[in-house]
Amino acid sequence: MKNIIKNKRGDISITILVIGIVAICIMAIFSFYFSDRKVKEDLNSIGIIDEAAVMKEKISFYRNLGFSEEEIVEEFKIKDETFEGFNFKYFDLSLGGISVRYDIEIKKQASE
């Protein structure tokens, strides 16, 4: 018992080692906690891609049911754009920081 109390040099280095290990463990726990929250937010916003595919299927279904093109454009907010001789019909979806532009139809314009 007397030898244990007198060995103070070993106690200091062991104490510093233990405090360092505890600090590293605490930092690792906080790091995992905050990164887990960020990943969950990012994965939730990836569902927008599935939503775009479902919307494309809905548009196809409405066409098969016999809805007019004007009704479909109004229902799904389809936009029309011309770029470098091509006509694009598309819709936009966004959730969080992710935006999806889904091209429904691409047609080459007739030469004039």
Protein backbone atom coordinates (compact mmCIF):
# COMPACT_ATOMS: atom_id res chain seq x y z
CA MET A 1 0.00 0.00 0.00
CA LYS A 2 2.87 2.34 0.77
CA ASN A 3 4.45 1.82 -2.69
CA ILE A 4 1.22 2.65 -4.53
CA ILE A 5 0.90 6.08 -2.87
CA LYS A 6 4.52 7.02 -3.56
CA ASN A 7 4.38 6.28 -7.33
CA LYS A 8 3.05 9.70 -8.44
CA ARG A 9 4.83 9.89 -11.82
CA GLY A 10 2.86 6.93 -13.16
CA ASP A 11 -0.40 8.35 -11.79
CA ILE A 12 -0.04 11.62 -13.71
CA SER A 13 0.60 9.98 -17.08
CA ILE A 14 -2.21 7.44 -16.57
CA THR A 15 -4.60 10.24 -15.54
CA ILE A 16 -3.72 12.25 -18.67
CA LEU A 17 -4.17 9.13 -20.82
CA VAL A 18 -7.59 8.37 -19.32
CA ILE A 19 -8.77 11.99 -19.71
CA GLY A 20 -7.58 11.97 -23.34
CA ILE A 21 -9.41 8.72 -24.11
CA VAL A 22 -12.61 10.01 -22.48
CA ALA A 23 -12.37 13.26 -24.48
CA ILE A 24 -11.89 11.33 -27.76
CA CYS A 25 -14.89 9.10 -26.96
CA ILE A 26 -17.09 12.13 -26.21
CA MET A 27 -16.04 13.82 -29.45
CA ALA A 28 -16.76 10.62 -31.40
CA ILE A 29 -20.24 10.34 -29.86
CA PHE A 30 -21.09 13.95 -30.79
CA SER A 31 -19.67 13.45 -34.27
CA PHE A 32 -21.84 10.37 -34.88
CA TYR A 33 -24.90 12.11 -33.46
CA PHE A 34 -24.64 15.19 -35.69
CA SER A 35 -23.67 13.27 -38.84
CA ASP A 36 -26.59 10.86 -38.30
CA ARG A 37 -29.04 13.78 -38.22
CA LYS A 38 -27.61 15.22 -41.45
CA VAL A 39 -27.75 11.88 -43.27
CA LYS A 40 -31.38 11.35 -42.24
CA GLU A 41 -32.31 14.78 -43.64
CA ASP A 42 -30.53 14.01 -46.91
CA LEU A 43 -32.17 10.60 -47.25
CA ASN A 44 -35.61 12.09 -46.66
CA SER A 45 -35.14 14.50 -49.55
CA ILE A 46 -34.09 11.69 -51.91
CA GLY A 47 -37.74 10.58 -51.95
CA ILE A 48 -38.36 13.42 -54.41
CA ILE A 49 -36.90 11.23 -57.17
CA ASP A 50 -39.46 8.51 -56.45
CA GLU A 51 -42.18 11.15 -56.41
CA ALA A 52 -41.13 12.32 -59.89
CA ALA A 53 -41.34 8.76 -61.24
CA VAL A 54 -44.82 8.35 -59.72
CA MET A 55 -45.91 11.63 -61.27
CA LYS A 56 -44.69 10.43 -64.70
CA GLU A 57 -46.78 7.28 -64.27
CA LYS A 58 -49.82 9.38 -63.30
CA ILE A 59 -49.43 11.47 -66.45
CA SER A 60 -49.25 8.33 -68.57
CA PHE A 61 -52.32 6.93 -66.77
CA TYR A 62 -54.31 10.14 -67.36
CA ARG A 63 -53.44 9.99 -71.07
CA ASN A 64 -54.62 6.38 -71.27
CA LEU A 65 -57.90 7.36 -69.60
CA GLY A 66 -58.51 9.90 -72.36
CA PHE A 67 -57.86 13.20 -70.59
CA SER A 68 -57.02 16.05 -72.94
CA GLU A 69 -53.50 17.44 -73.09
CA GLU A 70 -54.72 20.78 -71.68
CA GLU A 71 -56.22 19.07 -68.63
CA ILE A 72 -53.01 17.15 -67.99
CA VAL A 73 -50.87 20.29 -68.38
CA GLU A 74 -53.10 22.14 -65.91
CA GLU A 75 -53.30 19.27 -63.40
CA PHE A 76 -49.56 18.56 -63.22
CA LYS A 77 -48.26 22.09 -63.96
CA ILE A 78 -46.31 20.92 -67.00
CA LYS A 79 -44.06 23.58 -68.50
CA ASP A 80 -42.98 24.03 -72.10
CA GLU A 81 -39.54 25.23 -73.20
CA THR A 82 -37.69 25.50 -76.50
CA PHE A 83 -33.92 25.15 -76.61
CA GLU A 84 -31.62 24.74 -79.63
CA GLY A 85 -34.33 23.46 -81.94
CA PHE A 86 -35.92 21.08 -79.44
CA ASN A 87 -39.21 21.47 -77.60
CA PHE A 88 -39.20 20.14 -74.02
CA LYS A 89 -42.24 19.40 -71.86
CA TYR A 90 -41.29 18.96 -68.23
CA PHE A 91 -42.34 19.40 -64.60
CA ASP A 92 -40.33 20.53 -61.60
CA LEU A 93 -40.40 19.11 -58.08
CA SER A 94 -38.36 20.26 -55.11
CA LEU A 95 -37.98 19.14 -51.53
CA GLY A 96 -35.40 20.49 -49.15
CA GLY A 97 -32.27 21.28 -51.12
CA ILE A 98 -32.98 18.91 -54.00
CA SER A 99 -34.80 19.92 -57.18
CA VAL A 100 -35.82 17.52 -59.92
CA ARG A 101 -36.67 18.53 -63.47
CA TYR A 102 -38.32 15.58 -65.18
CA ASP A 103 -38.56 15.76 -68.98
CA ILE A 104 -41.78 14.17 -70.16
CA GLU A 105 -41.46 14.75 -73.86
CA ILE A 106 -38.69 15.98 -76.17
CA LYS A 107 -39.50 16.81 -79.77
CA LYS A 108 -37.37 18.27 -82.51
CA GLN A 109 -39.00 21.38 -83.94
CA ALA A 110 -39.87 21.39 -87.60
CA SER A 111 -37.39 23.35 -89.74
CA GLU A 112 -38.80 26.57 -91.11
